[in-house]
């Protein structure tokens, strides 16, 4: 299982546009084969900061996602919303207990 955390620092004047754009990405990504979950959270301690927490079945699913039209389209536009570089961290994880 691959877990990805992507941190977005958003220009407050572009927040509504960012949320509109990223919601399309979220819905399309959740439909992909190999997606376990794909959720956006707002940081409660840092103003205008969001984190996408993605869980994928394997690296093949991540690769397919990264090549998808909805992902590449979002990435091409993301710079318009950011006030700092996108911070992405990926983990190789496994479910410990359910």
C-alpha atoms as a PDB file:
ATOM      1  CA  UNK A   1       0.000   0.000   0.000  1.00  0.00           C
ATOM      2  CA  UNK A   2       1.341   3.427  -0.971  1.00  0.00           C
ATOM      3  CA  UNK A   3       0.368   6.501   1.051  1.00  0.00           C
ATOM      4  CA  UNK A   4       0.955   9.970  -0.382  1.00  0.00           C
ATOM      5  CA  UNK A   5       0.727  13.271   1.493  1.00  0.00           C
ATOM      6  CA  UNK A   6       0.643  16.389  -0.679  1.00  0.00           C
ATOM      7  CA  UNK A   7       0.690  19.727   1.155  1.00  0.00           C
ATOM      8  CA  UNK A   8      -0.733  22.775  -0.626  1.00  0.00           C
ATOM      9  CA  UNK A   9      -0.091  26.343   0.577  1.00  0.00           C
ATOM     10  CA  UNK A  10      -2.805  28.302  -1.216  1.00  0.00           C
ATOM     11  CA  UNK A  11      -3.035  31.968  -2.125  1.00  0.00           C
ATOM     12  CA  UNK A  12      -6.095  33.097  -0.105  1.00  0.00           C
ATOM     13  CA  UNK A  13      -7.427  35.132  -3.040  1.00  0.00           C
ATOM     14  CA  UNK A  14      -7.474  31.971  -5.174  1.00  0.00           C
ATOM     15  CA  UNK A  15      -8.803  29.524  -2.588  1.00  0.00           C
ATOM     16  CA  UNK A  16     -12.290  29.169  -4.122  1.00  0.00           C
ATOM     17  CA  UNK A  17     -10.833  28.447  -7.567  1.00  0.00           C
ATOM     18  CA  UNK A  18      -8.389  25.957  -6.058  1.00  0.00           C
ATOM     19  CA  UNK A  19     -11.182  24.086  -4.262  1.00  0.00           C
ATOM     20  CA  UNK A  20     -13.284  23.977  -7.408  1.00  0.00           C
ATOM     21  CA  UNK A  21     -10.376  22.650  -9.457  1.00  0.00           C
ATOM     22  CA  UNK A  22      -9.210  20.100  -6.896  1.00  0.00           C
ATOM     23  CA  UNK A  23     -12.711  18.710  -6.363  1.00  0.00           C
ATOM     24  CA  UNK A  24     -12.710  17.533  -9.979  1.00  0.00           C
ATOM     25  CA  UNK A  25      -9.372  15.820  -9.352  1.00  0.00           C
ATOM     26  CA  UNK A  26     -10.666  14.173  -6.175  1.00  0.00           C
ATOM     27  CA  UNK A  27     -13.778  12.728  -7.814  1.00  0.00           C
ATOM     28  CA  UNK A  28     -11.908  11.400 -10.858  1.00  0.00           C
ATOM     29  CA  UNK A  29      -9.078   9.953  -8.739  1.00  0.00           C
ATOM     30  CA  UNK A  30     -11.464   8.054  -6.489  1.00  0.00           C
ATOM     31  CA  UNK A  31     -12.767   6.235  -9.585  1.00  0.00           C
ATOM     32  CA  UNK A  32      -9.333   4.943 -10.584  1.00  0.00           C
ATOM     33  CA  UNK A  33      -8.362   1.286 -10.306  1.00  0.00           C
ATOM     34  CA  UNK A  34      -6.079   0.820  -7.327  1.00  0.00           C
ATOM     35  CA  UNK A  35      -7.335   3.847  -5.383  1.00  0.00           C
ATOM     36  CA  UNK A  36      -8.150   3.042  -1.757  1.00  0.00           C
ATOM     37  CA  UNK A  37      -8.886   6.628  -0.664  1.00  0.00           C
ATOM     38  CA  UNK A  38      -8.264  10.189  -1.809  1.00  0.00           C
ATOM     39  CA  UNK A  39      -9.131  12.941   0.683  1.00  0.00           C
ATOM     40  CA  UNK A  40      -8.382  16.643   1.058  1.00  0.00           C
ATOM     41  CA  UNK A  41      -8.098  18.116   4.557  1.00  0.00           C
ATOM     42  CA  UNK A  42      -7.763  21.734   5.681  1.00  0.00           C
ATOM     43  CA  UNK A  43      -5.007  22.390   8.199  1.00  0.00           C
ATOM     44  CA  UNK A  44      -6.537  23.875  11.348  1.00  0.00           C
ATOM     45  CA  UNK A  45      -3.266  25.420  12.525  1.00  0.00           C
ATOM     46  CA  UNK A  46      -1.814  26.858   9.317  1.00  0.00           C
ATOM     47  CA  UNK A  47      -3.902  29.375   7.417  1.00  0.00           C
ATOM     48  CA  UNK A  48      -4.608  28.541   3.741  1.00  0.00           C
ATOM     49  CA  UNK A  49      -2.946  25.127   3.965  1.00  0.00           C
ATOM     50  CA  UNK A  50      -4.456  21.857   2.764  1.00  0.00           C
ATOM     51  CA  UNK A  51      -3.189  18.289   2.696  1.00  0.00           C
ATOM     52  CA  UNK A  52      -4.225  15.610   0.254  1.00  0.00           C
ATOM     53  CA  UNK A  53      -3.957  12.148   1.765  1.00  0.00           C
ATOM     54  CA  UNK A  54      -3.963   9.459  -0.895  1.00  0.00           C
ATOM     55  CA  UNK A  55      -3.883   5.700  -0.388  1.00  0.00           C
ATOM     56  CA  UNK A  56      -3.107   3.454  -3.358  1.00  0.00           C
ATOM     57  CA  UNK A  57      -3.014  -0.321  -3.749  1.00  0.00           C
ATOM     58  CA  UNK A  58       0.524  -0.305  -5.203  1.00  0.00           C
ATOM     59  CA  UNK A  59       3.090   1.696  -7.181  1.00  0.00           C
ATOM     60  CA  UNK A  60       1.478   0.635 -10.455  1.00  0.00           C
ATOM     61  CA  UNK A  61      -1.731   2.405  -9.372  1.00  0.00           C
ATOM     62  CA  UNK A  62       0.266   5.518  -8.403  1.00  0.00           C
ATOM     63  CA  UNK A  63       2.002   5.518 -11.782  1.00  0.00           C
ATOM     64  CA  UNK A  64      -1.295   5.173 -13.607  1.00  0.00           C
ATOM     65  CA  UNK A  65      -2.750   8.027 -11.544  1.00  0.00           C
ATOM     66  CA  UNK A  66       0.255  10.277 -12.200  1.00  0.00           C
ATOM     67  CA  UNK A  67      -0.170   9.710 -15.953  1.00  0.00           C
ATOM     68  CA  UNK A  68      -3.943  10.283 -15.961  1.00  0.00           C
ATOM     69  CA  UNK A  69      -5.453  13.229 -17.811  1.00  0.00           C
ATOM     70  CA  UNK A  70      -7.217  14.600 -14.733  1.00  0.00           C
ATOM     71  CA  UNK A  71      -3.991  14.540 -12.701  1.00  0.00           C
ATOM     72  CA  UNK A  72      -1.723  16.038 -15.373  1.00  0.00           C
ATOM     73  CA  UNK A  73      -4.340  18.709 -16.080  1.00  0.00           C
ATOM     74  CA  UNK A  74      -4.502  19.656 -12.392  1.00  0.00           C
ATOM     75  CA  UNK A  75      -0.708  19.719 -12.028  1.00  0.00           C
ATOM     76  CA  UNK A  76      -0.451  22.085 -15.004  1.00  0.00           C
ATOM     77  CA  UNK A  77      -2.783  24.538 -13.222  1.00  0.00           C
ATOM     78  CA  UNK A  78      -1.657  24.011  -9.602  1.00  0.00           C
ATOM     79  CA  UNK A  79       1.132  26.592  -9.722  1.00  0.00           C
ATOM     80  CA  UNK A  80      -1.514  29.292 -10.211  1.00  0.00           C
ATOM     81  CA  UNK A  81      -2.871  28.642  -6.697  1.00  0.00           C
ATOM     82  CA  UNK A  82       0.286  27.992  -4.669  1.00  0.00           C
ATOM     83  CA  UNK A  83       2.273  30.398  -2.505  1.00  0.00           C
ATOM     84  CA  UNK A  84       5.009  27.792  -1.848  1.00  0.00           C
ATOM     85  CA  UNK A  85       6.238  24.724  -3.708  1.00  0.00           C
ATOM     86  CA  UNK A  86       4.019  21.662  -3.442  1.00  0.00           C
ATOM     87  CA  UNK A  87       5.382  19.379  -0.692  1.00  0.00           C
ATOM     88  CA  UNK A  88       4.869  15.681  -1.530  1.00  0.00           C
ATOM     89  CA  UNK A  89       5.889  12.763   0.665  1.00  0.00           C
ATOM     90  CA  UNK A  90       5.194   9.103  -0.171  1.00  0.00           C
ATOM     91  CA  UNK A  91       5.229   6.142   2.206  1.00  0.00           C
ATOM     92  CA  UNK A  92       5.235   2.412   1.695  1.00  0.00           C
ATOM     93  CA  UNK A  93       2.752   1.238   4.317  1.00  0.00           C
ATOM     94  CA  UNK A  94       0.659  -1.657   5.403  1.00  0.00           C
ATOM     95  CA  UNK A  95      -2.517  -1.972   7.413  1.00  0.00           C
ATOM     96  CA  UNK A  96      -1.612  -2.932  10.990  1.00  0.00           C
ATOM     97  CA  UNK A  97      -5.041  -3.503  12.419  1.00  0.00           C
ATOM     98  CA  UNK A  98      -8.581  -2.846  11.408  1.00  0.00           C
END
